[in-house]
């Protein structure tokens, strides 16, 4: 299991300040936003503005993903760069205004099922969050450039 880098740890702390508590789905959102920033490299110029369309169950704990994404990107509901829809699948389409720069990140359904089972059996949320933070991307996500 890889170590959690200082930059990721700092982003998680910033997300907790926004969200008010640490949980595994918040960390999933942080990881999604962080990955999109690394791959798409938004520069906030005319064509480099990042936008996110999120598909997620619109109830906690799943919806905590939204705050993780908002805290790591400049995509927020308030600035109109983040929108979302009700879905049992958890996926985000990140896009730059340039149509050649789109990234689809889907959370592995088996991972979500296992995580929810652990939450229901009262595994501490901070331990689950730490586990999510230290996982390899390919254990969490299916990633597709579009």
C-alpha atoms as a PDB file:
ATOM      1  CA  UNK A   1       0.000   0.000   0.000  1.00  0.00           C
ATOM      2  CA  UNK A   2       1.539   3.347  -1.014  1.00  0.00           C
ATOM      3  CA  UNK A   3       2.332   6.109   1.420  1.00  0.00           C
ATOM      4  CA  UNK A   4       0.099   9.166   1.512  1.00  0.00           C
ATOM      5  CA  UNK A   5       2.083  12.106   0.159  1.00  0.00           C
ATOM      6  CA  UNK A   6       2.152  15.412   2.019  1.00  0.00           C
ATOM      7  CA  UNK A   7       0.327  17.245  -0.777  1.00  0.00           C
ATOM      8  CA  UNK A   8      -2.588  14.780  -0.650  1.00  0.00           C
ATOM      9  CA  UNK A   9      -2.685  14.949   3.129  1.00  0.00           C
ATOM     10  CA  UNK A  10      -2.860  18.760   2.941  1.00  0.00           C
ATOM     11  CA  UNK A  11      -5.692  18.624   0.387  1.00  0.00           C
ATOM     12  CA  UNK A  12      -7.625  16.239   2.615  1.00  0.00           C
ATOM     13  CA  UNK A  13      -7.175  18.605   5.577  1.00  0.00           C
ATOM     14  CA  UNK A  14      -8.485  21.500   3.459  1.00  0.00           C
ATOM     15  CA  UNK A  15     -11.484  19.402   2.411  1.00  0.00           C
ATOM     16  CA  UNK A  16     -12.219  18.561   6.052  1.00  0.00           C
ATOM     17  CA  UNK A  17     -12.269  22.303   6.863  1.00  0.00           C
ATOM     18  CA  UNK A  18     -14.890  22.806   4.160  1.00  0.00           C
ATOM     19  CA  UNK A  19     -16.892  19.658   4.904  1.00  0.00           C
ATOM     20  CA  UNK A  20     -16.567  19.642   8.710  1.00  0.00           C
ATOM     21  CA  UNK A  21     -15.501  16.022   9.157  1.00  0.00           C
ATOM     22  CA  UNK A  22     -13.280  13.331   7.669  1.00  0.00           C
ATOM     23  CA  UNK A  23     -14.892  10.454   5.835  1.00  0.00           C
ATOM     24  CA  UNK A  24     -14.008   8.028   3.062  1.00  0.00           C
ATOM     25  CA  UNK A  25     -16.316   9.490   0.428  1.00  0.00           C
ATOM     26  CA  UNK A  26     -14.887  12.973   1.020  1.00  0.00           C
ATOM     27  CA  UNK A  27     -11.458  11.477   0.310  1.00  0.00           C
ATOM     28  CA  UNK A  28     -12.798   9.794  -2.845  1.00  0.00           C
ATOM     29  CA  UNK A  29     -13.839  13.250  -4.088  1.00  0.00           C
ATOM     30  CA  UNK A  30     -10.466  14.724  -3.175  1.00  0.00           C
ATOM     31  CA  UNK A  31      -8.710  11.931  -5.065  1.00  0.00           C
ATOM     32  CA  UNK A  32     -10.938  12.480  -8.122  1.00  0.00           C
ATOM     33  CA  UNK A  33     -10.323  16.233  -8.186  1.00  0.00           C
ATOM     34  CA  UNK A  34      -6.610  15.806  -7.607  1.00  0.00           C
ATOM     35  CA  UNK A  35      -6.315  13.284 -10.425  1.00  0.00           C
ATOM     36  CA  UNK A  36      -8.246  15.542 -12.827  1.00  0.00           C
ATOM     37  CA  UNK A  37      -5.973  18.482 -11.982  1.00  0.00           C
ATOM     38  CA  UNK A  38      -2.860  16.379 -12.575  1.00  0.00           C
ATOM     39  CA  UNK A  39      -4.044  14.972 -15.911  1.00  0.00           C
ATOM     40  CA  UNK A  40      -5.908  17.940 -17.428  1.00  0.00           C
ATOM     41  CA  UNK A  41      -3.730  20.717 -15.967  1.00  0.00           C
ATOM     42  CA  UNK A  42      -6.301  23.534 -15.960  1.00  0.00           C
ATOM     43  CA  UNK A  43      -4.714  26.966 -16.215  1.00  0.00           C
ATOM     44  CA  UNK A  44      -7.835  29.109 -15.776  1.00  0.00           C
ATOM     45  CA  UNK A  45      -7.298  30.816 -19.128  1.00  0.00           C
ATOM     46  CA  UNK A  46     -10.113  31.012 -21.668  1.00  0.00           C
ATOM     47  CA  UNK A  47      -9.691  27.353 -22.693  1.00  0.00           C
ATOM     48  CA  UNK A  48      -8.171  26.024 -19.496  1.00  0.00           C
ATOM     49  CA  UNK A  49     -11.122  26.389 -17.129  1.00  0.00           C
ATOM     50  CA  UNK A  50     -12.041  23.062 -15.520  1.00  0.00           C
ATOM     51  CA  UNK A  51     -15.678  22.001 -15.216  1.00  0.00           C
ATOM     52  CA  UNK A  52     -17.141  18.904 -13.576  1.00  0.00           C
ATOM     53  CA  UNK A  53     -20.356  16.988 -14.118  1.00  0.00           C
ATOM     54  CA  UNK A  54     -20.892  14.575 -11.223  1.00  0.00           C
ATOM     55  CA  UNK A  55     -23.187  11.553 -11.132  1.00  0.00           C
ATOM     56  CA  UNK A  56     -23.721  10.433  -7.549  1.00  0.00           C
ATOM     57  CA  UNK A  57     -26.442   9.274  -5.172  1.00  0.00           C
ATOM     58  CA  UNK A  58     -27.598  12.603  -3.706  1.00  0.00           C
ATOM     59  CA  UNK A  59     -27.532  11.467  -0.084  1.00  0.00           C
ATOM     60  CA  UNK A  60     -24.801  11.085   2.508  1.00  0.00           C
ATOM     61  CA  UNK A  61     -22.302   9.546   2.630  1.00  0.00           C
ATOM     62  CA  UNK A  62     -22.059   9.398  -1.187  1.00  0.00           C
ATOM     63  CA  UNK A  63     -22.776  13.100  -1.720  1.00  0.00           C
ATOM     64  CA  UNK A  64     -19.713  13.957   0.387  1.00  0.00           C
ATOM     65  CA  UNK A  65     -17.791  13.344  -2.844  1.00  0.00           C
ATOM     66  CA  UNK A  66     -19.094  16.717  -4.062  1.00  0.00           C
ATOM     67  CA  UNK A  67     -17.291  18.584  -1.284  1.00  0.00           C
ATOM     68  CA  UNK A  68     -14.063  16.698  -1.985  1.00  0.00           C
ATOM     69  CA  UNK A  69     -14.227  17.754  -5.629  1.00  0.00           C
ATOM     70  CA  UNK A  70     -15.116  21.361  -4.765  1.00  0.00           C
ATOM     71  CA  UNK A  71     -12.241  21.625  -2.312  1.00  0.00           C
ATOM     72  CA  UNK A  72      -9.576  20.354  -4.744  1.00  0.00           C
ATOM     73  CA  UNK A  73     -10.708  22.053  -7.938  1.00  0.00           C
ATOM     74  CA  UNK A  74     -12.121  25.478  -8.600  1.00  0.00           C
ATOM     75  CA  UNK A  75     -15.332  23.733  -9.662  1.00  0.00           C
ATOM     76  CA  UNK A  76     -18.119  24.738  -7.304  1.00  0.00           C
ATOM     77  CA  UNK A  77     -21.884  24.817  -7.435  1.00  0.00           C
ATOM     78  CA  UNK A  78     -21.749  28.562  -6.756  1.00  0.00           C
ATOM     79  CA  UNK A  79     -19.532  29.437  -9.714  1.00  0.00           C
ATOM     80  CA  UNK A  80     -21.451  27.118 -12.032  1.00  0.00           C
ATOM     81  CA  UNK A  81     -18.437  24.955 -12.873  1.00  0.00           C
ATOM     82  CA  UNK A  82     -19.795  21.960 -10.967  1.00  0.00           C
ATOM     83  CA  UNK A  83     -23.141  20.376 -11.664  1.00  0.00           C
ATOM     84  CA  UNK A  84     -24.508  17.061 -10.554  1.00  0.00           C
ATOM     85  CA  UNK A  85     -27.280  14.581 -11.096  1.00  0.00           C
ATOM     86  CA  UNK A  86     -28.819  11.735  -9.133  1.00  0.00           C
ATOM     87  CA  UNK A  87     -27.295   8.405 -10.102  1.00  0.00           C
ATOM     88  CA  UNK A  88     -26.556   5.104  -8.442  1.00  0.00           C
ATOM     89  CA  UNK A  89     -23.280   5.076 -10.374  1.00  0.00           C
ATOM     90  CA  UNK A  90     -20.571   7.392  -9.052  1.00  0.00           C
ATOM     91  CA  UNK A  91     -18.760   9.076 -11.915  1.00  0.00           C
ATOM     92  CA  UNK A  92     -17.375  12.474 -12.844  1.00  0.00           C
ATOM     93  CA  UNK A  93     -16.751  13.929 -16.253  1.00  0.00           C
ATOM     94  CA  UNK A  94     -14.080  16.588 -15.916  1.00  0.00           C
ATOM     95  CA  UNK A  95     -13.620  18.812 -18.939  1.00  0.00           C
ATOM     96  CA  UNK A  96     -11.702  21.822 -20.040  1.00  0.00           C
ATOM     97  CA  UNK A  97     -13.428  24.210 -22.404  1.00  0.00           C
ATOM     98  CA  UNK A  98     -11.188  22.703 -25.056  1.00  0.00           C
ATOM     99  CA  UNK A  99     -13.264  19.718 -26.298  1.00  0.00           C
ATOM    100  CA  UNK A 100     -10.136  17.543 -26.633  1.00  0.00           C
ATOM    101  CA  UNK A 101      -9.543  17.677 -22.874  1.00  0.00           C
ATOM    102  CA  UNK A 102     -12.096  15.488 -21.143  1.00  0.00           C
ATOM    103  CA  UNK A 103     -11.591  12.850 -18.493  1.00  0.00           C
ATOM    104  CA  UNK A 104     -14.204  10.390 -17.191  1.00  0.00           C
ATOM    105  CA  UNK A 105     -13.534   8.948 -13.721  1.00  0.00           C
ATOM    106  CA  UNK A 106     -15.891   6.239 -12.469  1.00  0.00           C
ATOM    107  CA  UNK A 107     -15.658   4.864  -8.945  1.00  0.00           C
ATOM    108  CA  UNK A 108     -15.400   1.079  -8.886  1.00  0.00           C
ATOM    109  CA  UNK A 109     -18.831  -0.298  -7.894  1.00  0.00           C
ATOM    110  CA  UNK A 110     -17.332  -3.239  -5.951  1.00  0.00           C
ATOM    111  CA  UNK A 111     -15.193  -0.809  -3.962  1.00  0.00           C
ATOM    112  CA  UNK A 112     -18.301   1.254  -3.081  1.00  0.00           C
ATOM    113  CA  UNK A 113     -20.192  -1.870  -2.001  1.00  0.00           C
ATOM    114  CA  UNK A 114     -17.306  -3.015   0.215  1.00  0.00           C
ATOM    115  CA  UNK A 115     -16.895   0.471   1.685  1.00  0.00           C
ATOM    116  CA  UNK A 116     -20.592   0.691   2.564  1.00  0.00           C
ATOM    117  CA  UNK A 117     -20.443  -2.728   4.240  1.00  0.00           C
ATOM    118  CA  UNK A 118     -17.523  -1.517   6.345  1.00  0.00           C
ATOM    119  CA  UNK A 119     -19.381   1.670   7.293  1.00  0.00           C
ATOM    120  CA  UNK A 120     -22.435  -0.368   8.329  1.00  0.00           C
ATOM    121  CA  UNK A 121     -20.262  -2.575  10.556  1.00  0.00           C
ATOM    122  CA  UNK A 122     -18.996   0.543  12.372  1.00  0.00           C
ATOM    123  CA  UNK A 123     -15.436   0.587  11.077  1.00  0.00           C
ATOM    124  CA  UNK A 124     -14.210   4.068  12.137  1.00  0.00           C
ATOM    125  CA  UNK A 125     -14.587   6.610   9.334  1.00  0.00           C
ATOM    126  CA  UNK A 126     -11.095   7.997   9.858  1.00  0.00           C
ATOM    127  CA  UNK A 127      -9.583   4.539   9.271  1.00  0.00           C
ATOM    128  CA  UNK A 128     -11.644   4.075   6.120  1.00  0.00           C
ATOM    129  CA  UNK A 129     -10.632   7.549   4.926  1.00  0.00           C
ATOM    130  CA  UNK A 130      -6.961   6.744   5.522  1.00  0.00           C
ATOM    131  CA  UNK A 131      -7.361   3.525   3.558  1.00  0.00           C
ATOM    132  CA  UNK A 132      -8.981   5.363   0.615  1.00  0.00           C
ATOM    133  CA  UNK A 133      -6.199   7.946   0.675  1.00  0.00           C
ATOM    134  CA  UNK A 134      -3.528   5.261   0.422  1.00  0.00           C
ATOM    135  CA  UNK A 135      -5.111   3.135  -2.322  1.00  0.00           C
ATOM    136  CA  UNK A 136      -3.793   2.962  -5.869  1.00  0.00           C
ATOM    137  CA  UNK A 137      -6.017   4.747  -8.397  1.00  0.00           C
ATOM    138  CA  UNK A 138      -6.700   1.535 -10.299  1.00  0.00           C
ATOM    139  CA  UNK A 139      -8.279   0.046  -7.162  1.00  0.00           C
ATOM    140  CA  UNK A 140     -10.611   3.010  -6.829  1.00  0.00           C
ATOM    141  CA  UNK A 141     -11.377   4.229 -10.317  1.00  0.00           C
ATOM    142  CA  UNK A 142     -11.916   3.389 -13.919  1.00  0.00           C
ATOM    143  CA  UNK A 143     -10.346   6.277 -15.851  1.00  0.00           C
ATOM    144  CA  UNK A 144     -11.114   7.078 -19.463  1.00  0.00           C
ATOM    145  CA  UNK A 145      -9.997   9.989 -21.552  1.00  0.00           C
ATOM    146  CA  UNK A 146     -12.790  11.000 -23.917  1.00  0.00           C
END
